[in-house]
PDB file of N, CA and C in Angstrom:
ATOM      1  N   UNK A   1      37.610  17.791 -35.608  1.00  0.00           N
ATOM      2  CA  UNK A   1      37.489  17.154 -34.301  1.00  0.00           C
ATOM      3  C   UNK A   1      38.468  17.822 -33.339  1.00  0.00           C
ATOM      4  N   UNK A   2      38.048  17.920 -32.105  1.00  0.00           N
ATOM      5  CA  UNK A   2      38.905  18.490 -31.066  1.00  0.00           C
ATOM      6  C   UNK A   2      40.176  17.636 -30.944  1.00  0.00           C
ATOM      7  N   UNK A   3      41.316  18.298 -30.847  1.00  0.00           N
ATOM      8  CA  UNK A   3      42.589  17.588 -30.796  1.00  0.00           C
ATOM      9  C   UNK A   3      42.678  16.667 -29.579  1.00  0.00           C
ATOM     10  N   UNK A   4      42.178  17.132 -28.439  1.00  0.00           N
ATOM     11  CA  UNK A   4      42.236  16.302 -27.223  1.00  0.00           C
ATOM     12  C   UNK A   4      41.348  15.068 -27.368  1.00  0.00           C
ATOM     13  N   UNK A   5      40.160  15.251 -27.940  1.00  0.00           N
ATOM     14  CA  UNK A   5      39.258  14.123 -28.158  1.00  0.00           C
ATOM     15  C   UNK A   5      39.880  13.138 -29.153  1.00  0.00           C
ATOM     16  N   UNK A   6      40.473  13.676 -30.206  1.00  0.00           N
ATOM     17  CA  UNK A   6      41.116  12.826 -31.205  1.00  0.00           C
ATOM     18  C   UNK A   6      42.252  12.007 -30.569  1.00  0.00           C
ATOM     19  N   UNK A   7      43.013  12.645 -29.686  1.00  0.00           N
ATOM     20  CA  UNK A   7      44.111  11.958 -28.991  1.00  0.00           C
ATOM     21  C   UNK A   7      43.566  10.825 -28.122  1.00  0.00           C
ATOM     22  N   UNK A   8      42.456  11.102 -27.398  1.00  0.00           N
ATOM     23  CA  UNK A   8      41.856  10.075 -26.549  1.00  0.00           C
ATOM     24  C   UNK A   8      41.334   8.902 -27.370  1.00  0.00           C
ATOM     25  N   UNK A   9      40.724   9.199 -28.504  1.00  0.00           N
ATOM     26  CA  UNK A   9      40.225   8.138 -29.383  1.00  0.00           C
ATOM     27  C   UNK A   9      41.401   7.302 -29.899  1.00  0.00           C
ATOM     28  N   UNK A  10      42.475   7.957 -30.268  1.00  0.00           N
ATOM     29  CA  UNK A  10      43.660   7.253 -30.766  1.00  0.00           C
ATOM     30  C   UNK A  10      44.248   6.358 -29.670  1.00  0.00           C
ATOM     31  N   UNK A  11      44.314   6.880 -28.436  1.00  0.00           N
ATOM     32  CA  UNK A  11      44.827   6.077 -27.320  1.00  0.00           C
ATOM     33  C   UNK A  11      43.955   4.854 -27.085  1.00  0.00           C
ATOM     34  N   UNK A  12      42.646   5.037 -27.127  1.00  0.00           N
ATOM     35  CA  UNK A  12      41.725   3.925 -26.911  1.00  0.00           C
ATOM     36  C   UNK A  12      41.907   2.864 -27.997  1.00  0.00           C
ATOM     37  N   UNK A  13      42.047   3.293 -29.233  1.00  0.00           N
ATOM     38  CA  UNK A  13      42.237   2.365 -30.347  1.00  0.00           C
ATOM     39  C   UNK A  13      43.549   1.598 -30.169  1.00  0.00           C
ATOM     40  N   UNK A  14      44.609   2.288 -29.774  1.00  0.00           N
ATOM     41  CA  UNK A  14      45.895   1.632 -29.554  1.00  0.00           C
ATOM     42  C   UNK A  14      45.787   0.612 -28.423  1.00  0.00           C
ATOM     43  N   UNK A  15      45.046   0.945 -27.388  1.00  0.00           N
ATOM     44  CA  UNK A  15      44.839   0.020 -26.269  1.00  0.00           C
ATOM     45  C   UNK A  15      44.109  -1.236 -26.739  1.00  0.00           C
ATOM     46  N   UNK A  16      43.081  -1.053 -27.567  1.00  0.00           N
ATOM     47  CA  UNK A  16      42.354  -2.206 -28.098  1.00  0.00           C
ATOM     48  C   UNK A  16      43.258  -3.074 -28.954  1.00  0.00           C
ATOM     49  N   UNK A  17      44.113  -2.450 -29.750  1.00  0.00           N
ATOM     50  CA  UNK A  17      45.041  -3.223 -30.587  1.00  0.00           C
ATOM     51  C   UNK A  17      46.021  -4.018 -29.727  1.00  0.00           C
ATOM     52  N   UNK A  18      46.518  -3.404 -28.654  1.00  0.00           N
ATOM     53  CA  UNK A  18      47.430  -4.114 -27.748  1.00  0.00           C
ATOM     54  C   UNK A  18      46.742  -5.298 -27.094  1.00  0.00           C
ATOM     55  N   UNK A  19      45.496  -5.105 -26.672  1.00  0.00           N
ATOM     56  CA  UNK A  19      44.755  -6.210 -26.044  1.00  0.00           C
ATOM     57  C   UNK A  19      44.540  -7.353 -27.034  1.00  0.00           C
ATOM     58  N   UNK A  20      44.191  -7.021 -28.276  1.00  0.00           N
ATOM     59  CA  UNK A  20      43.975  -8.052 -29.291  1.00  0.00           C
ATOM     60  C   UNK A  20      45.266  -8.806 -29.573  1.00  0.00           C
ATOM     61  N   UNK A  21      46.377  -8.082 -29.649  1.00  0.00           N
ATOM     62  CA  UNK A  21      47.670  -8.731 -29.900  1.00  0.00           C
ATOM     63  C   UNK A  21      48.040  -9.657 -28.747  1.00  0.00           C
ATOM     64  N   UNK A  22      47.790  -9.218 -27.513  1.00  0.00           N
ATOM     65  CA  UNK A  22      48.093 -10.054 -26.346  1.00  0.00           C
ATOM     66  C   UNK A  22      47.227 -11.309 -26.362  1.00  0.00           C
ATOM     67  N   UNK A  23      45.972 -11.163 -26.727  1.00  0.00           N
ATOM     68  CA  UNK A  23      45.084 -12.326 -26.782  1.00  0.00           C
ATOM     69  C   UNK A  23      45.546 -13.304 -27.851  1.00  0.00           C
ATOM     70  N   UNK A  24      45.956 -12.798 -29.014  1.00  0.00           N
ATOM     71  CA  UNK A  24      46.454 -13.680 -30.073  1.00  0.00           C
ATOM     72  C   UNK A  24      47.712 -14.402 -29.630  1.00  0.00           C
ATOM     73  N   UNK A  25      48.606 -13.692 -28.900  1.00  0.00           N
ATOM     74  CA  UNK A  25      49.809 -14.345 -28.379  1.00  0.00           C
ATOM     75  C   UNK A  25      49.454 -15.473 -27.430  1.00  0.00           C
ATOM     76  N   UNK A  26      48.486 -15.214 -26.536  1.00  0.00           N
ATOM     77  CA  UNK A  26      48.075 -16.255 -25.585  1.00  0.00           C
ATOM     78  C   UNK A  26      47.509 -17.456 -26.316  1.00  0.00           C
ATOM     79  N   UNK A  27      46.718 -17.221 -27.364  1.00  0.00           N
ATOM     80  CA  UNK A  27      46.132 -18.329 -28.126  1.00  0.00           C
ATOM     81  C   UNK A  27      47.234 -19.132 -28.809  1.00  0.00           C
ATOM     82  N   UNK A  28      48.184 -18.434 -29.443  1.00  0.00           N
ATOM     83  CA  UNK A  28      49.279 -19.161 -30.121  1.00  0.00           C
ATOM     84  C   UNK A  28      50.109 -19.954 -29.117  1.00  0.00           C
ATOM     85  N   UNK A  29      50.407 -19.358 -27.962  1.00  0.00           N
ATOM     86  CA  UNK A  29      51.206 -20.067 -26.956  1.00  0.00           C
ATOM     87  C   UNK A  29      50.436 -21.259 -26.412  1.00  0.00           C
ATOM     88  N   UNK A  30      49.118 -21.127 -26.244  1.00  0.00           N
ATOM     89  CA  UNK A  30      48.317 -22.242 -25.738  1.00  0.00           C
ATOM     90  C   UNK A  30      48.288 -23.382 -26.752  1.00  0.00           C
ATOM     91  N   UNK A  31      48.242 -23.030 -28.038  1.00  0.00           N
ATOM     92  CA  UNK A  31      48.194 -24.071 -29.063  1.00  0.00           C
ATOM     93  C   UNK A  31      49.508 -24.838 -29.150  1.00  0.00           C
ATOM     94  N   UNK A  32      50.624 -24.161 -28.983  1.00  0.00           N
ATOM     95  CA  UNK A  32      51.905 -24.858 -29.106  1.00  0.00           C
ATOM     96  C   UNK A  32      52.560 -25.122 -27.748  1.00  0.00           C
ATOM     97  N   UNK A  33      51.885 -24.720 -26.668  1.00  0.00           N
ATOM     98  CA  UNK A  33      52.449 -24.820 -25.326  1.00  0.00           C
ATOM     99  C   UNK A  33      52.845 -26.210 -24.886  1.00  0.00           C
ATOM    100  N   UNK A  34      51.941 -27.190 -24.957  1.00  0.00           N
ATOM    101  CA  UNK A  34      52.281 -28.515 -24.421  1.00  0.00           C
ATOM    102  C   UNK A  34      53.527 -29.115 -25.056  1.00  0.00           C
ATOM    103  N   UNK A  35      53.679 -28.950 -26.368  1.00  0.00           N
ATOM    104  CA  UNK A  35      54.876 -29.493 -27.026  1.00  0.00           C
ATOM    105  C   UNK A  35      56.131 -28.781 -26.538  1.00  0.00           C
ATOM    106  N   UNK A  36      56.062 -27.466 -26.407  1.00  0.00           N
ATOM    107  CA  UNK A  36      57.233 -26.702 -25.963  1.00  0.00           C
ATOM    108  C   UNK A  36      57.593 -27.079 -24.526  1.00  0.00           C
ATOM    109  N   UNK A  37      56.576 -27.242 -23.678  1.00  0.00           N
ATOM    110  CA  UNK A  37      56.858 -27.610 -22.282  1.00  0.00           C
ATOM    111  C   UNK A  37      57.548 -28.962 -22.215  1.00  0.00           C
ATOM    112  N   UNK A  38      57.069 -29.912 -22.993  1.00  0.00           N
ATOM    113  CA  UNK A  38      57.696 -31.238 -22.983  1.00  0.00           C
ATOM    114  C   UNK A  38      59.145 -31.139 -23.423  1.00  0.00           C
ATOM    115  N   UNK A  39      59.382 -30.354 -24.465  1.00  0.00           N
ATOM    116  CA  UNK A  39      60.742 -30.219 -24.977  1.00  0.00           C
ATOM    117  C   UNK A  39      61.644 -29.611 -23.907  1.00  0.00           C
ATOM    118  N   UNK A  40      61.169 -28.562 -23.226  1.00  0.00           N
ATOM    119  CA  UNK A  40      61.988 -27.936 -22.190  1.00  0.00           C
ATOM    120  C   UNK A  40      62.240 -28.894 -21.036  1.00  0.00           C
ATOM    121  N   UNK A  41      61.195 -29.656 -20.657  1.00  0.00           N
ATOM    122  CA  UNK A  41      61.374 -30.581 -19.541  1.00  0.00           C
ATOM    123  C   UNK A  41      62.412 -31.635 -19.882  1.00  0.00           C
ATOM    124  N   UNK A  42      62.403 -32.106 -21.139  1.00  0.00           N
ATOM    125  CA  UNK A  42      63.364 -33.142 -21.493  1.00  0.00           C
ATOM    126  C   UNK A  42      64.790 -32.569 -21.485  1.00  0.00           C
ATOM    127  N   UNK A  43      64.933 -31.305 -21.861  1.00  0.00           N
ATOM    128  CA  UNK A  43      66.260 -30.676 -21.822  1.00  0.00           C
ATOM    129  C   UNK A  43      66.738 -30.595 -20.382  1.00  0.00           C
ATOM    130  N   UNK A  44      65.859 -30.178 -19.475  1.00  0.00           N
ATOM    131  CA  UNK A  44      66.247 -30.105 -18.063  1.00  0.00           C
ATOM    132  C   UNK A  44      66.532 -31.485 -17.493  1.00  0.00           C
ATOM    133  N   UNK A  45      65.775 -32.460 -17.927  1.00  0.00           N
ATOM    134  CA  UNK A  45      65.993 -33.829 -17.445  1.00  0.00           C
ATOM    135  C   UNK A  45      67.372 -34.318 -17.893  1.00  0.00           C
ATOM    136  N   UNK A  46      67.766 -33.968 -19.112  1.00  0.00           N
ATOM    137  CA  UNK A  46      69.095 -34.365 -19.593  1.00  0.00           C
ATOM    138  C   UNK A  46      70.183 -33.737 -18.742  1.00  0.00           C
ATOM    139  N   UNK A  47      69.993 -32.458 -18.376  1.00  0.00           N
ATOM    140  CA  UNK A  47      71.020 -31.800 -17.542  1.00  0.00           C
ATOM    141  C   UNK A  47      71.098 -32.457 -16.165  1.00  0.00           C
ATOM    142  N   UNK A  48      69.936 -32.837 -15.619  1.00  0.00           N
ATOM    143  CA  UNK A  48      69.934 -33.457 -14.291  1.00  0.00           C
ATOM    144  C   UNK A  48      70.608 -34.814 -14.303  1.00  0.00           C
ATOM    145  N   UNK A  49      70.395 -35.581 -15.369  1.00  0.00           N
ATOM    146  CA  UNK A  49      70.953 -36.926 -15.416  1.00  0.00           C
ATOM    147  C   UNK A  49      72.445 -36.901 -15.748  1.00  0.00           C
ATOM    148  N   UNK A  50      72.925 -35.847 -16.345  1.00  0.00           N
ATOM    149  CA  UNK A  50      74.339 -35.774 -16.756  1.00  0.00           C
ATOM    150  C   UNK A  50      75.266 -35.521 -15.580  1.00  0.00           C
TER     151      UNK A  50
END
């Protein structure tokens, strides 16, 4: 295979892997997001009341 073509294919594959990883991160954050937000809000509320 032509080296330049092989490089382009490799770049495209790496881009797809990055997109998939970003999507998985978004899904994990969405699944645990509401609990984390509540926890952070309560921490800030404690600082405000103190």
